[in-house]
N, C-alpha and C. Protein backbone atom coordinates (compact mmCIF):
# COMPACT_ATOMS: atom_id res chain seq x y z
N MET A 1 5.34 35.46 25.02
CA MET A 1 4.51 36.40 24.29
C MET A 1 5.29 37.67 24.02
N ASN A 2 5.05 38.19 22.86
CA ASN A 2 5.69 39.44 22.50
C ASN A 2 4.87 40.61 23.01
N GLN A 3 5.51 41.44 23.78
CA GLN A 3 4.84 42.65 24.23
C GLN A 3 5.16 43.77 23.26
N PRO A 4 4.19 44.64 23.03
CA PRO A 4 4.45 45.73 22.08
C PRO A 4 5.52 46.67 22.65
N THR A 5 6.36 47.11 21.76
CA THR A 5 7.40 48.04 22.20
C THR A 5 6.84 49.45 22.23
N ILE A 6 7.27 50.16 23.22
CA ILE A 6 6.82 51.54 23.36
C ILE A 6 7.93 52.43 22.82
N THR A 7 7.57 53.22 21.86
CA THR A 7 8.56 54.13 21.28
C THR A 7 8.73 55.34 22.18
N PRO A 8 9.95 55.80 22.34
CA PRO A 8 10.14 56.98 23.19
C PRO A 8 9.54 58.21 22.54
N LYS A 9 9.14 59.15 23.40
CA LYS A 9 8.59 60.40 22.87
C LYS A 9 9.65 61.15 22.10
N ALA A 10 9.21 61.82 21.10
CA ALA A 10 10.15 62.58 20.28
C ALA A 10 10.76 63.69 21.11
N VAL A 11 12.02 63.87 20.97
CA VAL A 11 12.73 64.93 21.68
C VAL A 11 12.62 66.19 20.84
N ARG A 12 12.22 67.24 21.48
CA ARG A 12 12.03 68.49 20.77
C ARG A 12 13.38 69.13 20.48
N LYS A 13 13.56 69.51 19.23
CA LYS A 13 14.81 70.15 18.84
C LYS A 13 14.82 71.59 19.38
N PRO A 14 15.98 72.07 19.76
CA PRO A 14 16.03 73.45 20.24
C PRO A 14 15.70 74.42 19.10
N SER A 15 15.05 75.49 19.46
CA SER A 15 14.64 76.47 18.48
C SER A 15 15.85 77.22 17.94
N LYS A 16 15.74 77.70 16.72
CA LYS A 16 16.81 78.48 16.10
C LYS A 16 16.70 79.95 16.46
N ARG A 17 15.62 80.34 17.15
CA ARG A 17 15.46 81.73 17.54
C ARG A 17 16.53 82.12 18.54
N LYS A 18 16.99 83.35 18.44
CA LYS A 18 18.02 83.82 19.36
C LYS A 18 17.48 84.03 20.77
N ASP A 19 16.20 84.39 20.87
CA ASP A 19 15.62 84.68 22.19
C ASP A 19 14.94 83.46 22.81
N TYR A 20 15.22 82.27 22.30
CA TYR A 20 14.58 81.06 22.81
C TYR A 20 15.07 80.73 24.22
N ILE A 21 14.11 80.43 25.11
CA ILE A 21 14.43 80.03 26.48
C ILE A 21 13.80 78.66 26.70
N PRO A 22 14.58 77.66 27.09
CA PRO A 22 13.97 76.35 27.36
C PRO A 22 12.95 76.46 28.49
N ASN A 23 11.85 75.73 28.37
CA ASN A 23 10.78 75.80 29.36
C ASN A 23 11.27 75.44 30.75
N ALA A 24 12.12 74.45 30.87
CA ALA A 24 12.59 74.03 32.19
C ALA A 24 13.35 75.16 32.87
N LEU A 25 14.18 75.86 32.12
CA LEU A 25 14.93 76.97 32.69
C LEU A 25 14.00 78.11 33.10
N PHE A 26 13.03 78.41 32.26
CA PHE A 26 12.07 79.46 32.56
C PHE A 26 11.31 79.14 33.84
N HIS A 27 10.80 77.92 33.97
CA HIS A 27 10.01 77.54 35.14
C HIS A 27 10.88 77.48 36.40
N GLU A 28 12.13 77.08 36.25
CA GLU A 28 13.03 77.05 37.40
C GLU A 28 13.27 78.47 37.92
N GLU A 29 13.52 79.41 37.01
CA GLU A 29 13.72 80.80 37.41
C GLU A 29 12.45 81.39 38.01
N MET A 30 11.30 81.02 37.44
CA MET A 30 10.03 81.52 37.95
C MET A 30 9.80 81.04 39.38
N LEU A 31 10.11 79.79 39.66
CA LEU A 31 9.94 79.24 41.00
C LEU A 31 10.84 79.95 42.00
N LYS A 32 12.11 80.16 41.63
CA LYS A 32 13.03 80.87 42.52
C LYS A 32 12.51 82.29 42.81
N TRP A 33 12.08 82.97 41.76
CA TRP A 33 11.62 84.35 41.92
C TRP A 33 10.36 84.41 42.78
N ARG A 34 9.44 83.45 42.59
CA ARG A 34 8.21 83.43 43.40
C ARG A 34 8.53 83.31 44.88
N LEU A 35 9.47 82.44 45.23
CA LEU A 35 9.83 82.24 46.63
C LEU A 35 10.47 83.50 47.21
N LEU A 36 11.32 84.16 46.43
CA LEU A 36 11.93 85.40 46.90
C LEU A 36 10.91 86.52 47.02
N LEU A 37 9.95 86.55 46.11
CA LEU A 37 8.94 87.60 46.11
C LEU A 37 8.06 87.55 47.34
N ARG A 38 7.79 86.35 47.85
CA ARG A 38 6.96 86.24 49.04
C ARG A 38 7.64 86.83 50.27
N GLU A 39 8.98 86.80 50.27
CA GLU A 39 9.71 87.36 51.39
C GLU A 39 9.90 88.87 51.25
N ASP A 40 10.19 89.33 50.03
CA ASP A 40 10.45 90.75 49.80
C ASP A 40 9.77 91.16 48.49
N PHE A 41 8.83 92.11 48.58
CA PHE A 41 8.07 92.53 47.41
C PHE A 41 8.91 93.30 46.40
N ASN A 42 10.05 93.81 46.82
CA ASN A 42 10.90 94.60 45.93
C ASN A 42 11.95 93.75 45.21
N THR A 43 11.80 92.45 45.24
CA THR A 43 12.74 91.56 44.56
C THR A 43 12.70 91.83 43.06
N PRO A 44 13.84 92.10 42.44
CA PRO A 44 13.82 92.39 40.99
C PRO A 44 13.49 91.14 40.17
N VAL A 45 12.89 91.38 39.03
CA VAL A 45 12.54 90.29 38.13
C VAL A 45 13.79 89.82 37.41
N PRO A 46 14.07 88.51 37.38
CA PRO A 46 15.24 88.03 36.63
C PRO A 46 15.13 88.38 35.15
N ALA A 47 16.27 88.56 34.52
CA ALA A 47 16.30 88.97 33.11
C ALA A 47 15.59 87.98 32.21
N ILE A 48 15.70 86.69 32.52
CA ILE A 48 15.04 85.67 31.69
C ILE A 48 13.54 85.87 31.69
N LEU A 49 12.97 86.16 32.87
CA LEU A 49 11.52 86.35 32.96
C LEU A 49 11.10 87.67 32.34
N ALA A 50 11.89 88.71 32.53
CA ALA A 50 11.54 90.02 31.99
C ALA A 50 11.52 90.01 30.47
N ASN A 51 12.47 89.33 29.85
CA ASN A 51 12.51 89.27 28.39
C ASN A 51 11.36 88.47 27.83
N GLU A 52 10.93 87.46 28.55
CA GLU A 52 9.87 86.57 28.05
C GLU A 52 8.51 87.24 28.05
N THR A 53 8.29 88.23 28.89
CA THR A 53 6.94 88.77 29.07
C THR A 53 6.68 90.06 28.31
N LYS A 54 7.48 90.41 27.34
CA LYS A 54 7.29 91.67 26.63
C LYS A 54 6.15 91.60 25.61
N LYS A 55 5.76 90.43 25.18
CA LYS A 55 4.70 90.34 24.18
C LYS A 55 3.33 90.29 24.88
N GLY A 56 2.30 90.70 24.14
CA GLY A 56 0.95 90.65 24.68
C GLY A 56 0.54 91.98 25.30
N TYR A 57 -0.74 92.06 25.69
CA TYR A 57 -1.25 93.31 26.25
C TYR A 57 -1.26 93.32 27.76
N VAL A 58 -0.88 92.22 28.40
CA VAL A 58 -0.75 92.17 29.85
C VAL A 58 0.61 91.58 30.18
N ASN A 59 1.38 92.27 31.00
CA ASN A 59 2.66 91.76 31.44
C ASN A 59 2.40 90.81 32.60
N ASN A 60 2.53 89.54 32.36
CA ASN A 60 2.14 88.52 33.33
C ASN A 60 3.00 88.54 34.58
N ILE A 61 4.27 88.85 34.44
CA ILE A 61 5.17 88.85 35.60
C ILE A 61 4.82 90.00 36.54
N SER A 62 4.65 91.21 36.00
CA SER A 62 4.29 92.34 36.87
C SER A 62 2.90 92.16 37.44
N LEU A 63 2.00 91.55 36.66
CA LEU A 63 0.66 91.28 37.18
C LEU A 63 0.71 90.27 38.32
N TYR A 64 1.56 89.27 38.18
CA TYR A 64 1.72 88.29 39.26
C TYR A 64 2.26 88.97 40.52
N ARG A 65 3.22 89.87 40.35
CA ARG A 65 3.77 90.60 41.50
C ARG A 65 2.65 91.39 42.21
N GLU A 66 1.82 92.06 41.44
CA GLU A 66 0.73 92.84 42.03
C GLU A 66 -0.27 91.94 42.75
N PHE A 67 -0.52 90.76 42.20
CA PHE A 67 -1.42 89.82 42.88
C PHE A 67 -0.85 89.38 44.21
N VAL A 68 0.45 89.10 44.23
CA VAL A 68 1.08 88.67 45.49
C VAL A 68 0.98 89.77 46.53
N ILE A 69 1.27 91.01 46.13
CA ILE A 69 1.20 92.14 47.07
C ILE A 69 -0.23 92.32 47.57
N TRP A 70 -1.19 92.26 46.65
CA TRP A 70 -2.60 92.47 47.04
C TRP A 70 -3.09 91.35 47.96
N ARG A 71 -2.70 90.12 47.66
CA ARG A 71 -3.14 89.00 48.51
C ARG A 71 -2.59 89.14 49.93
N ARG A 72 -1.36 89.63 50.05
CA ARG A 72 -0.79 89.83 51.40
C ARG A 72 -1.54 90.93 52.13
N LYS A 73 -1.95 91.97 51.40
CA LYS A 73 -2.76 93.03 52.02
C LYS A 73 -4.12 92.50 52.44
N LEU A 74 -4.69 91.59 51.64
CA LEU A 74 -5.99 91.01 51.98
C LEU A 74 -5.93 90.17 53.25
N GLU A 75 -4.78 89.54 53.49
CA GLU A 75 -4.64 88.75 54.72
C GLU A 75 -4.72 89.64 55.94
N ASP A 76 -4.12 90.85 55.84
CA ASP A 76 -4.16 91.79 56.96
C ASP A 76 -5.50 92.51 57.07
N ASN A 77 -6.03 92.92 55.93
CA ASN A 77 -7.27 93.69 55.89
C ASN A 77 -8.16 93.12 54.79
N PRO A 78 -9.22 92.37 55.15
CA PRO A 78 -10.06 91.73 54.12
C PRO A 78 -10.76 92.71 53.18
N SER A 79 -10.83 93.98 53.55
CA SER A 79 -11.49 94.94 52.66
C SER A 79 -10.47 95.79 51.90
N ALA A 80 -9.25 95.29 51.74
CA ALA A 80 -8.20 96.04 51.03
C ALA A 80 -8.60 96.25 49.57
N ARG A 81 -8.30 97.44 49.07
CA ARG A 81 -8.66 97.82 47.71
C ARG A 81 -7.74 97.13 46.70
N MET A 82 -8.31 96.75 45.57
CA MET A 82 -7.54 96.11 44.50
C MET A 82 -6.59 97.13 43.86
N ASN A 83 -5.42 96.66 43.45
CA ASN A 83 -4.45 97.53 42.78
C ASN A 83 -5.00 98.02 41.45
N ASP A 84 -4.56 99.21 41.04
CA ASP A 84 -4.95 99.74 39.74
C ASP A 84 -4.38 98.89 38.60
N VAL A 85 -3.22 98.30 38.83
CA VAL A 85 -2.61 97.45 37.81
C VAL A 85 -3.49 96.23 37.54
N ILE A 86 -4.05 95.66 38.58
CA ILE A 86 -4.95 94.50 38.41
C ILE A 86 -6.22 94.93 37.70
N GLY A 87 -6.77 96.09 38.07
CA GLY A 87 -7.98 96.59 37.40
C GLY A 87 -7.76 96.85 35.93
N LYS A 88 -6.61 97.45 35.60
CA LYS A 88 -6.30 97.69 34.19
C LYS A 88 -6.10 96.38 33.44
N ALA A 89 -5.49 95.40 34.10
CA ALA A 89 -5.30 94.09 33.46
C ALA A 89 -6.64 93.42 33.19
N ILE A 90 -7.59 93.58 34.11
CA ILE A 90 -8.93 93.01 33.90
C ILE A 90 -9.57 93.65 32.67
N MET A 91 -9.50 94.97 32.57
CA MET A 91 -10.10 95.66 31.42
C MET A 91 -9.39 95.27 30.12
N ASP A 92 -8.07 95.23 30.14
CA ASP A 92 -7.33 94.87 28.93
C ASP A 92 -7.61 93.44 28.50
N THR A 93 -7.73 92.55 29.47
CA THR A 93 -8.01 91.15 29.14
C THR A 93 -9.40 91.00 28.52
N ALA A 94 -10.39 91.66 29.11
CA ALA A 94 -11.76 91.57 28.57
C ALA A 94 -11.84 92.17 27.17
N LYS A 95 -11.21 93.33 26.98
CA LYS A 95 -11.25 93.98 25.67
C LYS A 95 -10.43 93.21 24.64
N GLY A 96 -9.35 92.59 25.07
CA GLY A 96 -8.53 91.82 24.14
C GLY A 96 -9.19 90.51 23.75
N LEU A 97 -9.86 89.87 24.71
CA LEU A 97 -10.48 88.58 24.44
C LEU A 97 -11.72 88.71 23.55
N ILE A 98 -12.35 89.87 23.57
CA ILE A 98 -13.56 90.04 22.75
C ILE A 98 -13.21 89.98 21.26
N ASN A 99 -11.94 90.19 20.91
CA ASN A 99 -11.52 90.10 19.51
C ASN A 99 -11.09 88.71 19.10
N PHE A 100 -11.19 87.76 20.02
CA PHE A 100 -10.89 86.37 19.71
C PHE A 100 -11.91 85.86 18.70
N HIS A 101 -11.51 84.92 17.85
CA HIS A 101 -12.35 84.53 16.72
C HIS A 101 -13.71 83.95 17.14
N LEU A 102 -13.84 83.46 18.35
CA LEU A 102 -15.14 82.94 18.79
C LEU A 102 -16.14 84.04 19.10
N PHE A 103 -15.66 85.25 19.41
CA PHE A 103 -16.54 86.32 19.85
C PHE A 103 -16.56 87.52 18.93
N ASN A 104 -15.74 87.56 17.88
CA ASN A 104 -15.65 88.77 17.08
C ASN A 104 -16.78 88.94 16.07
N ARG A 105 -17.66 87.97 15.92
CA ARG A 105 -18.72 88.08 14.92
C ARG A 105 -19.99 88.73 15.47
N TYR A 106 -19.99 89.07 16.76
CA TYR A 106 -21.17 89.68 17.36
C TYR A 106 -21.17 91.18 17.14
N THR A 107 -22.33 91.80 17.30
CA THR A 107 -22.45 93.23 17.06
C THR A 107 -21.71 94.02 18.14
N GLY A 108 -21.47 95.28 17.85
CA GLY A 108 -20.76 96.15 18.78
C GLY A 108 -21.48 96.30 20.11
N MET A 109 -22.82 96.35 20.05
CA MET A 109 -23.59 96.49 21.29
C MET A 109 -23.43 95.23 22.16
N TRP A 110 -23.50 94.07 21.54
CA TRP A 110 -23.31 92.83 22.30
C TRP A 110 -21.91 92.79 22.89
N LYS A 111 -20.91 93.17 22.08
CA LYS A 111 -19.52 93.13 22.56
C LYS A 111 -19.33 94.04 23.77
N ASP A 112 -19.91 95.25 23.71
CA ASP A 112 -19.78 96.18 24.84
C ASP A 112 -20.40 95.60 26.10
N GLU A 113 -21.58 95.00 25.95
CA GLU A 113 -22.23 94.40 27.12
C GLU A 113 -21.45 93.19 27.63
N MET A 114 -20.91 92.41 26.71
CA MET A 114 -20.12 91.24 27.13
C MET A 114 -18.88 91.66 27.90
N VAL A 115 -18.21 92.72 27.44
CA VAL A 115 -17.03 93.23 28.15
C VAL A 115 -17.44 93.74 29.53
N GLY A 116 -18.57 94.43 29.61
CA GLY A 116 -19.04 94.94 30.90
C GLY A 116 -19.33 93.83 31.89
N TYR A 117 -20.08 92.82 31.44
CA TYR A 117 -20.40 91.70 32.33
C TYR A 117 -19.14 90.92 32.73
N ALA A 118 -18.21 90.76 31.79
CA ALA A 118 -16.97 90.04 32.10
C ALA A 118 -16.13 90.80 33.12
N THR A 119 -16.10 92.12 33.00
CA THR A 119 -15.35 92.93 33.95
C THR A 119 -15.93 92.79 35.35
N VAL A 120 -17.24 92.86 35.46
CA VAL A 120 -17.89 92.70 36.76
C VAL A 120 -17.61 91.32 37.33
N ASN A 121 -17.67 90.30 36.48
CA ASN A 121 -17.40 88.93 36.91
C ASN A 121 -15.96 88.78 37.42
N CYS A 122 -15.01 89.38 36.71
CA CYS A 122 -13.61 89.30 37.14
C CYS A 122 -13.40 90.00 38.48
N VAL A 123 -13.98 91.18 38.64
CA VAL A 123 -13.83 91.90 39.91
C VAL A 123 -14.45 91.09 41.05
N LYS A 124 -15.52 90.40 40.76
CA LYS A 124 -16.20 89.61 41.78
C LYS A 124 -15.36 88.40 42.23
N TYR A 125 -14.70 87.74 41.28
CA TYR A 125 -14.01 86.48 41.58
C TYR A 125 -12.48 86.58 41.59
N VAL A 126 -11.92 87.78 41.44
CA VAL A 126 -10.47 87.90 41.39
C VAL A 126 -9.82 87.55 42.72
N LYS A 127 -10.55 87.64 43.81
CA LYS A 127 -10.01 87.29 45.12
C LYS A 127 -9.72 85.80 45.23
N ASN A 128 -10.33 84.99 44.39
CA ASN A 128 -10.14 83.54 44.47
C ASN A 128 -8.84 83.07 43.83
N TYR A 129 -8.12 83.96 43.17
CA TYR A 129 -6.86 83.55 42.53
C TYR A 129 -5.84 83.19 43.61
N ASN A 130 -5.24 82.02 43.49
CA ASN A 130 -4.27 81.54 44.47
C ASN A 130 -2.86 81.67 43.89
N ASP A 131 -2.12 82.67 44.37
CA ASP A 131 -0.79 82.91 43.82
C ASP A 131 0.23 81.89 44.30
N GLU A 132 -0.10 81.09 45.29
CA GLU A 132 0.84 80.06 45.75
C GLU A 132 0.80 78.83 44.84
N LEU A 133 -0.34 78.57 44.22
CA LEU A 133 -0.46 77.41 43.33
C LEU A 133 -0.18 77.75 41.87
N TYR A 134 -0.56 78.96 41.45
CA TYR A 134 -0.51 79.29 40.03
C TYR A 134 0.36 80.51 39.79
N THR A 135 0.97 80.56 38.62
CA THR A 135 1.84 81.69 38.27
C THR A 135 1.33 82.46 37.06
N ASN A 136 0.13 82.17 36.61
CA ASN A 136 -0.36 82.81 35.40
C ASN A 136 -1.70 83.51 35.67
N PRO A 137 -1.67 84.70 36.26
CA PRO A 137 -2.93 85.38 36.55
C PRO A 137 -3.68 85.82 35.30
N HIS A 138 -2.95 86.06 34.21
CA HIS A 138 -3.62 86.44 32.97
C HIS A 138 -4.53 85.31 32.46
N ALA A 139 -4.08 84.08 32.60
CA ALA A 139 -4.90 82.94 32.18
C ALA A 139 -6.16 82.85 33.04
N TYR A 140 -6.02 83.13 34.33
CA TYR A 140 -7.17 83.11 35.23
C TYR A 140 -8.20 84.16 34.81
N LEU A 141 -7.72 85.37 34.55
CA LEU A 141 -8.63 86.44 34.12
C LEU A 141 -9.25 86.12 32.76
N SER A 142 -8.47 85.55 31.86
CA SER A 142 -9.00 85.20 30.54
C SER A 142 -10.10 84.16 30.65
N LYS A 143 -9.90 83.19 31.51
CA LYS A 143 -10.91 82.14 31.67
C LYS A 143 -12.19 82.71 32.29
N LEU A 144 -12.04 83.61 33.27
CA LEU A 144 -13.22 84.25 33.84
C LEU A 144 -13.99 85.03 32.78
N CYS A 145 -13.28 85.77 31.95
CA CYS A 145 -13.94 86.55 30.89
C CYS A 145 -14.60 85.63 29.87
N GLU A 146 -13.89 84.60 29.47
CA GLU A 146 -14.44 83.68 28.47
C GLU A 146 -15.73 83.02 28.96
N MET A 147 -15.72 82.57 30.20
CA MET A 147 -16.92 81.92 30.74
C MET A 147 -18.09 82.91 30.82
N GLN A 148 -17.81 84.16 31.16
CA GLN A 148 -18.87 85.16 31.21
C GLN A 148 -19.39 85.49 29.82
N PHE A 149 -18.51 85.54 28.83
CA PHE A 149 -18.94 85.77 27.45
C PHE A 149 -19.90 84.66 27.01
N ILE A 150 -19.55 83.43 27.31
CA ILE A 150 -20.38 82.29 26.91
C ILE A 150 -21.72 82.35 27.61
N GLN A 151 -21.74 82.68 28.90
CA GLN A 151 -22.99 82.79 29.63
C GLN A 151 -23.88 83.89 29.06
N TYR A 152 -23.27 85.02 28.69
CA TYR A 152 -24.03 86.12 28.12
C TYR A 152 -24.64 85.71 26.78
N ILE A 153 -23.87 85.03 25.95
CA ILE A 153 -24.39 84.59 24.64
C ILE A 153 -25.55 83.63 24.82
N LYS A 154 -25.43 82.68 25.74
CA LYS A 154 -26.52 81.74 26.00
C LYS A 154 -27.77 82.48 26.47
N LYS A 155 -27.59 83.45 27.37
CA LYS A 155 -28.73 84.21 27.88
C LYS A 155 -29.42 84.99 26.76
N GLU A 156 -28.65 85.64 25.92
CA GLU A 156 -29.23 86.41 24.82
C GLU A 156 -29.94 85.51 23.81
N LYS A 157 -29.41 84.33 23.57
CA LYS A 157 -30.08 83.40 22.65
C LYS A 157 -31.41 82.94 23.22
N ARG A 158 -31.47 82.71 24.53
CA ARG A 158 -32.74 82.34 25.16
C ARG A 158 -33.75 83.48 25.05
N GLU A 159 -33.28 84.71 25.27
CA GLU A 159 -34.16 85.87 25.15
C GLU A 159 -34.68 86.04 23.73
N ASN A 160 -33.81 85.85 22.75
CA ASN A 160 -34.25 85.95 21.35
C ASN A 160 -35.26 84.87 21.01
N ALA A 161 -35.06 83.67 21.53
CA ALA A 161 -36.01 82.58 21.28
C ALA A 161 -37.37 82.94 21.85
N LYS A 162 -37.40 83.56 23.02
CA LYS A 162 -38.68 84.00 23.61
C LYS A 162 -39.35 85.05 22.73
N ARG A 163 -38.56 85.98 22.21
CA ARG A 163 -39.13 87.03 21.33
C ARG A 163 -39.71 86.41 20.06
N TYR A 164 -38.96 85.49 19.46
CA TYR A 164 -39.45 84.85 18.24
C TYR A 164 -40.73 84.08 18.51
N LYS A 165 -40.76 83.36 19.61
CA LYS A 165 -41.94 82.57 19.95
C LYS A 165 -43.15 83.48 20.17
N HIS A 166 -42.94 84.61 20.87
CA HIS A 166 -44.03 85.56 21.09
C HIS A 166 -44.54 86.12 19.76
N PHE A 167 -43.61 86.44 18.87
CA PHE A 167 -44.03 87.00 17.59
C PHE A 167 -44.86 85.99 16.80
N ILE A 168 -44.40 84.74 16.78
CA ILE A 168 -45.10 83.72 16.00
C ILE A 168 -46.48 83.42 16.58
N LYS A 169 -46.58 83.32 17.90
CA LYS A 169 -47.84 82.91 18.53
C LYS A 169 -48.82 84.06 18.71
N GLU A 170 -48.32 85.26 19.02
CA GLU A 170 -49.21 86.36 19.40
C GLU A 170 -49.38 87.42 18.32
N VAL A 171 -48.32 87.74 17.60
CA VAL A 171 -48.37 88.86 16.68
C VAL A 171 -48.69 88.42 15.26
N PHE A 172 -48.06 87.37 14.82
CA PHE A 172 -48.16 86.96 13.43
C PHE A 172 -49.48 86.24 13.14
N THR A 173 -50.10 86.61 12.03
CA THR A 173 -51.27 85.88 11.51
C THR A 173 -51.06 85.69 10.01
N MET A 174 -51.73 84.72 9.45
CA MET A 174 -51.59 84.46 8.02
C MET A 174 -52.19 85.59 7.20
N ASP A 175 -53.11 86.38 7.79
CA ASP A 175 -53.65 87.53 7.07
C ASP A 175 -52.56 88.56 6.77
N MET A 176 -51.55 88.62 7.66
CA MET A 176 -50.46 89.56 7.44
C MET A 176 -49.66 89.19 6.19
N VAL A 177 -49.51 87.88 5.94
CA VAL A 177 -48.80 87.43 4.74
C VAL A 177 -49.63 87.74 3.51
N ASP A 178 -50.95 87.49 3.60
CA ASP A 178 -51.83 87.73 2.46
C ASP A 178 -51.86 89.22 2.09
N GLN A 179 -51.78 90.09 3.09
CA GLN A 179 -51.82 91.53 2.83
C GLN A 179 -50.45 92.08 2.43
N GLY A 180 -49.41 91.26 2.52
CA GLY A 180 -48.07 91.70 2.14
C GLY A 180 -47.33 92.44 3.23
N LYS A 181 -47.83 92.41 4.46
CA LYS A 181 -47.15 93.11 5.55
C LYS A 181 -45.91 92.35 6.03
N VAL A 182 -45.95 91.02 5.96
CA VAL A 182 -44.84 90.19 6.42
C VAL A 182 -44.50 89.19 5.32
N ASP A 183 -43.23 89.05 5.04
CA ASP A 183 -42.76 88.09 4.07
C ASP A 183 -42.88 86.69 4.67
N TYR A 184 -43.37 85.74 3.89
CA TYR A 184 -43.57 84.38 4.39
C TYR A 184 -42.23 83.71 4.69
N ASN A 185 -41.18 84.03 3.93
CA ASN A 185 -39.84 83.48 4.21
C ASN A 185 -39.32 83.98 5.56
N PHE A 186 -39.66 85.23 5.91
CA PHE A 186 -39.28 85.77 7.21
C PHE A 186 -39.96 84.96 8.32
N TYR A 187 -41.24 84.65 8.12
CA TYR A 187 -41.97 83.84 9.10
C TYR A 187 -41.32 82.46 9.24
N LEU A 188 -40.97 81.82 8.14
CA LEU A 188 -40.34 80.50 8.20
C LEU A 188 -38.99 80.57 8.90
N ASP A 189 -38.25 81.64 8.64
CA ASP A 189 -36.94 81.80 9.29
C ASP A 189 -37.10 81.93 10.81
N LEU A 190 -38.08 82.74 11.24
CA LEU A 190 -38.33 82.87 12.68
C LEU A 190 -38.78 81.55 13.28
N ASN A 191 -39.58 80.84 12.55
CA ASN A 191 -40.09 79.56 13.05
C ASN A 191 -38.93 78.56 13.21
N ASN A 192 -37.98 78.59 12.28
CA ASN A 192 -36.83 77.68 12.38
C ASN A 192 -35.92 78.04 13.54
N LYS A 193 -35.82 79.33 13.84
CA LYS A 193 -34.97 79.76 14.94
C LYS A 193 -35.56 79.36 16.26
């Protein structure tokens, strides 16, 4: 019997960019630096990692360093205060993520409340970040903010549905349409929502 042949995965061509760093080299340097950082907090960041993290509104390498330092303080004193760098990263992440295309269509008031709830959620769960398993604290904070944004949107939609239902059942009467106080298309729109 003929067995189907498996074609090898396509090999990725090296980038023509001058600042291109192969992923394997980046991760190898990151692993070495992580191990050194656990022994000495003043270990300098390798040039490969420092050059890679200049883009974006959160410097992931310095944020990772702060997480490692804070986690070690938490082991000694469970009520240790969070670093200001981590707090600023939480605020920057929440404010930056609100401009993502999934969340940018909401009103300014909703956005402000979403950022507030996401910040509180991040402060509440930031202790759960495990720096021994993961090297991307910005992704952790982004995911916490995103999940809180989604929860807030769901909650507000439920509240709006309750308001619409109350209006239709308790406030609205057909006499209001006959008198011209309420547009009938408005009533149909609320009913559909």
